[in-house]
Amino acid sequence: MTKLSVNINKIATLRNARGQDTPNLVSVCRDIIKFGSQGVTIHPRPDERHITTQDVYDIHKLLIEVNSDMNKNDPGFIEFNIEGYPSAEFLSLVNDVHPEQVTLVPDPPHVLTSNAGWDFVENKKTLIDIKNKFNSMNCRVSLFLDPYTFNDQQALALQEIRPQRIEFYTEQFAKLYSNNKLTESVQMYQSASNKIQEMNIEINAGHDLSLENIKYLINNLPEIKEVSIGHALICESLYQGLDVTIKKYLYEIKEASKTND
């Protein structure tokens, strides 16, 4: 069944707005896990506009504590997913904390948020080198992929890179879904998924996913291993609370999985 990883960047943004430590990120992270999240995602950036370097180490320490009586194959194990552009600073952070998953995104420091998939042809050698480095640390590597730019050339390059997973950039899915173009919203993703699964590469998804659209996505792409959700989940939590919102996501994912049984 698809797992839910909660992206806590927006909690860090709220804390940083006052330059103090409220809300405390580690405390909120602990609660998110208690409420049912199966993973924690962060996206540290060089300007530290949300996640700081110290946050990376603090959350790493928390997850060591939370997972202390488990191994990675246990159902209750909480994975640490670090997203980012593979700058020298980012590579150093990953080298220090060895998260279970590293999601590489092609957004250099000036970009507001992740907004494109990798050009695998252009970046093939770099991505192979980084993937091999992270795999040697026992980190699963996932690469951001936009189905709308995923042609045959890109597929051949991805096959050579061979990450363990890709993460579908789902902004276009969310836009089409919100405009009631339901069938169209998943067509490109299904087509890309078929090619990717033939390479024995697993699939994650993230960006603009919400309680409104998550069930439809998983109904139509049941092969998705993990969804990483932050912005919408935190916005929805303003009205419903984190506990209720996370449980609603888990319910929608479970119901989608039942449909596909």
Protein backbone atom coordinates (compact mmCIF):
# COMPACT_ATOMS: atom_id res chain seq x y z
CA MET A 1 0.00 0.00 0.00
CA THR A 2 1.15 3.55 -0.71
CA LYS A 3 2.92 5.21 2.22
CA LEU A 4 2.50 8.80 3.39
CA SER A 5 5.57 10.94 4.08
CA VAL A 6 4.79 14.37 5.52
CA ASN A 7 6.92 17.26 4.29
CA ILE A 8 7.53 19.59 7.25
CA ASN A 9 9.05 22.54 5.38
CA LYS A 10 5.99 24.73 6.01
CA ILE A 11 6.24 24.17 9.76
CA ALA A 12 9.83 25.41 9.59
CA THR A 13 8.72 28.43 7.53
CA LEU A 14 6.21 29.35 10.24
CA ARG A 15 8.84 29.03 12.95
CA ASN A 16 11.36 31.11 11.03
CA ALA A 17 8.85 33.93 10.54
CA ARG A 18 9.44 35.04 14.14
CA GLY A 19 13.11 34.09 14.36
CA GLN A 20 12.53 31.97 17.45
CA ASP A 21 11.61 28.33 18.11
CA THR A 22 7.83 28.26 17.99
CA PRO A 23 6.56 25.91 16.76
CA ASN A 24 9.40 23.61 17.72
CA LEU A 25 10.11 21.51 14.66
CA VAL A 26 11.20 18.38 16.50
CA SER A 27 8.08 18.44 18.69
CA VAL A 28 5.80 18.83 15.68
CA CYS A 29 7.68 16.10 13.87
CA ARG A 30 7.23 13.78 16.85
CA ASP A 31 3.48 14.52 16.82
CA ILE A 32 3.21 13.95 13.07
CA ILE A 33 4.71 10.50 13.58
CA LYS A 34 2.36 9.83 16.50
CA PHE A 35 -0.60 10.83 14.30
CA GLY A 36 0.33 8.19 11.73
CA SER A 37 2.81 9.60 9.20
CA GLN A 38 4.96 6.80 7.81
CA GLY A 39 7.83 9.07 6.84
CA VAL A 40 9.28 12.55 7.25
CA THR A 41 10.38 14.64 4.29
CA ILE A 42 12.50 17.79 4.36
CA HIS A 43 13.99 19.95 1.63
CA PRO A 44 16.91 21.97 3.01
CA ARG A 45 17.98 24.93 0.88
CA PRO A 46 21.17 26.99 1.04
CA ASP A 47 19.33 30.13 2.24
CA GLU A 48 17.69 28.13 5.07
CA ARG A 49 14.37 29.82 4.38
CA HIS A 50 12.62 26.90 6.04
CA ILE A 51 14.72 23.84 7.00
CA THR A 52 18.05 24.80 8.56
CA THR A 53 21.21 22.74 8.66
CA GLN A 54 20.67 22.18 12.39
CA ASP A 55 17.14 20.92 11.68
CA VAL A 56 18.58 18.14 9.53
CA TYR A 57 20.69 16.86 12.43
CA ASP A 58 17.89 17.32 14.98
CA ILE A 59 15.35 15.36 12.93
CA HIS A 60 17.94 12.69 12.20
CA LYS A 61 18.49 12.31 15.95
CA LEU A 62 14.73 12.11 16.58
CA LEU A 63 14.24 9.39 13.97
CA ILE A 64 17.10 7.34 15.41
CA GLU A 65 15.23 7.49 18.72
CA VAL A 66 11.83 6.68 17.19
CA ASN A 67 13.24 3.75 15.20
CA SER A 68 15.52 2.44 17.93
CA ASP A 69 13.71 -0.89 18.41
CA MET A 70 13.08 -1.55 14.71
CA ASN A 71 14.88 -2.37 11.52
CA LYS A 72 14.14 -0.85 8.13
CA ASN A 73 11.84 -3.68 7.11
CA ASP A 74 9.50 -3.34 10.09
CA PRO A 75 6.03 -1.90 9.26
CA GLY A 76 6.35 0.90 11.81
CA PHE A 77 9.77 2.11 10.71
CA ILE A 78 9.73 5.86 9.92
CA GLU A 79 11.78 6.75 6.86
CA PHE A 80 13.75 9.95 6.54
CA ASN A 81 13.51 11.45 3.04
CA ILE A 82 15.77 14.39 2.22
CA GLU A 83 15.00 16.28 -0.99
CA GLY A 84 17.33 18.70 -2.63
CA TYR A 85 19.51 19.95 -5.40
CA PRO A 86 22.86 18.09 -5.35
CA SER A 87 25.08 20.99 -4.36
CA ALA A 88 28.25 20.43 -2.36
CA GLU A 89 26.45 21.49 0.84
CA PHE A 90 23.60 19.07 0.16
CA LEU A 91 25.97 16.19 -0.54
CA SER A 92 27.75 16.92 2.74
CA LEU A 93 24.49 16.81 4.72
CA VAL A 94 23.48 13.49 3.21
CA ASN A 95 26.94 12.12 3.93
CA ASP A 96 26.50 13.06 7.60
CA VAL A 97 23.02 11.64 8.26
CA HIS A 98 22.51 8.81 5.72
CA PRO A 99 18.73 9.11 5.30
CA GLU A 100 16.76 6.13 4.04
CA GLN A 101 15.90 8.04 0.86
CA VAL A 102 17.42 10.94 -1.04
CA THR A 103 15.15 12.64 -3.59
CA LEU A 104 17.18 14.68 -6.07
CA VAL A 105 15.42 17.64 -7.66
CA PRO A 106 16.75 19.94 -10.41
CA ASP A 107 16.02 23.21 -8.65
CA PRO A 108 19.05 25.43 -8.01
CA PRO A 109 19.02 27.91 -5.10
CA HIS A 110 17.12 30.76 -6.83
CA VAL A 111 14.03 28.59 -7.55
CA LEU A 112 11.04 29.16 -5.24
CA THR A 113 9.90 25.52 -5.23
CA SER A 114 10.48 22.34 -7.20
CA ASN A 115 8.91 23.00 -10.60
CA ALA A 116 10.41 20.59 -13.15
CA GLY A 117 11.72 17.10 -13.66
CA TRP A 118 15.31 16.19 -14.45
CA ASP A 119 16.72 16.26 -17.94
CA PHE A 120 18.24 12.80 -17.68
CA VAL A 121 20.08 13.09 -20.98
CA GLU A 122 21.84 16.32 -20.04
CA ASN A 123 22.64 15.25 -16.47
CA LYS A 124 23.21 11.52 -16.93
CA LYS A 125 26.85 11.30 -15.83
CA THR A 126 26.35 13.54 -12.79
CA LEU A 127 23.26 11.62 -11.66
CA ILE A 128 24.99 8.26 -12.09
CA ASP A 129 27.94 9.43 -9.99
CA ILE A 130 25.72 10.82 -7.24
CA LYS A 131 23.41 7.80 -7.26
CA ASN A 132 26.37 5.46 -6.84
CA LYS A 133 27.75 7.58 -4.01
CA PHE A 134 24.45 7.58 -2.11
CA ASN A 135 23.82 3.89 -2.74
CA SER A 136 27.19 3.16 -1.16
CA MET A 137 25.77 4.81 1.99
CA ASN A 138 22.67 2.53 1.82
CA CYS A 139 20.50 5.48 0.78
CA ARG A 140 17.73 4.81 -1.74
CA VAL A 141 17.85 7.37 -4.56
CA SER A 142 14.73 8.86 -6.14
CA LEU A 143 14.85 11.32 -9.06
CA PHE A 144 12.20 13.96 -9.80
CA LEU A 145 10.52 13.20 -13.12
CA ASP A 146 7.96 15.14 -15.19
CA PRO A 147 5.96 12.78 -17.46
CA TYR A 148 5.29 15.66 -19.84
CA THR A 149 8.97 15.85 -20.80
CA PHE A 150 9.66 12.11 -20.53
CA ASN A 151 10.33 10.99 -24.11
CA ASP A 152 12.20 7.98 -25.51
CA GLN A 153 15.60 9.67 -25.18
CA GLN A 154 14.92 10.52 -21.56
CA ALA A 155 13.79 6.95 -20.92
CA LEU A 156 17.03 5.52 -22.35
CA ALA A 157 19.10 7.85 -20.15
CA LEU A 158 17.03 6.98 -17.07
CA GLN A 159 17.61 3.30 -17.77
CA GLU A 160 21.35 3.92 -17.68
CA ILE A 161 21.14 5.94 -14.46
CA ARG A 162 18.96 3.28 -12.80
CA PRO A 163 17.86 4.97 -9.58
CA GLN A 164 15.83 2.85 -7.18
CA ARG A 165 12.85 5.19 -7.61
CA ILE A 166 11.57 8.23 -9.44
CA GLU A 167 9.17 10.80 -8.01
CA PHE A 168 6.44 11.99 -10.32
CA TYR A 169 6.13 15.78 -10.34
CA THR A 170 2.32 15.96 -10.05
CA GLU A 171 1.51 19.65 -10.49
CA GLN A 172 -0.07 19.09 -13.92
CA PHE A 173 -2.13 16.19 -12.57
CA ALA A 174 -3.48 18.45 -9.82
CA LYS A 175 -4.33 21.26 -12.25
CA LEU A 176 -6.21 18.99 -14.64
CA TYR A 177 -7.99 17.26 -11.78
CA SER A 178 -9.16 20.59 -10.34
CA ASN A 179 -10.55 21.47 -13.79
CA ASN A 180 -12.51 18.21 -13.79
CA LYS A 181 -10.39 16.69 -16.59
CA LEU A 182 -10.13 13.46 -14.67
CA THR A 183 -9.13 10.96 -17.35
CA GLU A 184 -6.68 13.40 -18.92
CA SER A 185 -5.13 14.14 -15.54
CA VAL A 186 -3.60 10.67 -15.20
CA GLN A 187 -2.94 9.63 -18.82
CA MET A 188 0.63 10.91 -19.12
CA TYR A 189 1.50 9.53 -15.68
CA GLN A 190 0.16 6.08 -16.54
CA SER A 191 2.07 6.03 -19.82
CA ALA A 192 5.33 7.05 -18.12
CA SER A 193 4.70 4.62 -15.27
CA ASN A 194 4.43 1.68 -17.64
CA LYS A 195 7.84 2.48 -19.14
CA ILE A 196 9.44 3.07 -15.75
CA GLN A 197 8.13 -0.15 -14.23
CA GLU A 198 9.59 -2.08 -17.16
CA MET A 199 12.99 -0.82 -15.96
CA ASN A 200 12.27 -2.20 -12.46
CA ILE A 201 12.29 1.33 -11.05
CA GLU A 202 9.74 2.09 -8.33
CA ILE A 203 7.54 5.17 -8.24
CA ASN A 204 6.85 7.93 -5.71
CA ALA A 205 4.76 11.05 -6.26
CA GLY A 206 4.59 14.59 -4.94
CA HIS A 207 3.63 18.23 -5.55
CA ASP A 208 0.16 19.76 -5.16
CA LEU A 209 -1.34 16.54 -3.86
CA SER A 210 -4.22 17.07 -1.46
CA LEU A 211 -7.14 15.38 0.28
CA GLU A 212 -9.22 16.30 -2.74
CA ASN A 213 -7.14 14.47 -5.34
CA ILE A 214 -5.03 11.85 -3.56
CA LYS A 215 -7.51 8.99 -3.80
CA TYR A 216 -8.03 9.46 -7.55
CA LEU A 217 -4.30 9.48 -8.19
CA ILE A 218 -3.68 6.24 -6.29
CA ASN A 219 -6.78 4.59 -7.75
CA ASN A 220 -5.27 5.12 -11.18
CA LEU A 221 -1.61 4.60 -10.23
CA PRO A 222 -1.72 1.93 -7.52
CA GLU A 223 1.97 1.21 -8.09
CA ILE A 224 2.93 4.42 -6.26
CA LYS A 225 5.05 3.45 -3.28
CA GLU A 226 5.02 6.78 -1.45
CA VAL A 227 3.47 10.21 -1.61
CA SER A 228 5.27 13.19 -0.11
CA ILE A 229 2.84 15.92 0.91
CA GLY A 230 3.49 19.18 2.71
CA HIS A 231 1.88 22.40 1.51
CA ALA A 232 -1.71 21.17 1.11
CA LEU A 233 -1.56 19.02 4.23
CA ILE A 234 -0.44 21.92 6.40
CA CYS A 235 -3.05 24.25 4.85
CA GLU A 236 -5.78 21.68 5.48
CA SER A 237 -4.51 21.27 9.04
CA LEU A 238 -5.20 24.94 9.78
CA TYR A 239 -8.91 24.06 9.72
CA GLN A 240 -8.91 20.43 10.83
CA GLY A 241 -5.77 19.97 12.92
CA LEU A 242 -2.74 17.84 12.12
CA ASP A 243 -4.08 14.70 13.76
CA VAL A 244 -7.37 14.69 11.85
CA THR A 245 -5.78 15.71 8.55
CA ILE A 246 -3.08 13.02 8.63
CA LYS A 247 -5.66 10.38 9.52
CA LYS A 248 -7.83 11.55 6.61
CA TYR A 249 -4.90 11.12 4.22
CA LEU A 250 -4.25 7.63 5.55
CA TYR A 251 -7.95 6.82 5.13
CA GLU A 252 -8.06 8.07 1.53
CA ILE A 253 -4.92 6.09 0.67
CA LYS A 254 -6.35 2.97 2.30
CA GLU A 255 -9.66 3.33 0.46
CA ALA A 256 -7.82 3.75 -2.85
CA SER A 257 -5.85 0.60 -2.13
CA LYS A 258 -9.05 -1.33 -1.39
CA THR A 259 -10.43 -0.29 -4.76
CA ASN A 260 -7.39 -1.79 -6.44
CA ASP A 261 -7.48 -5.12 -4.57
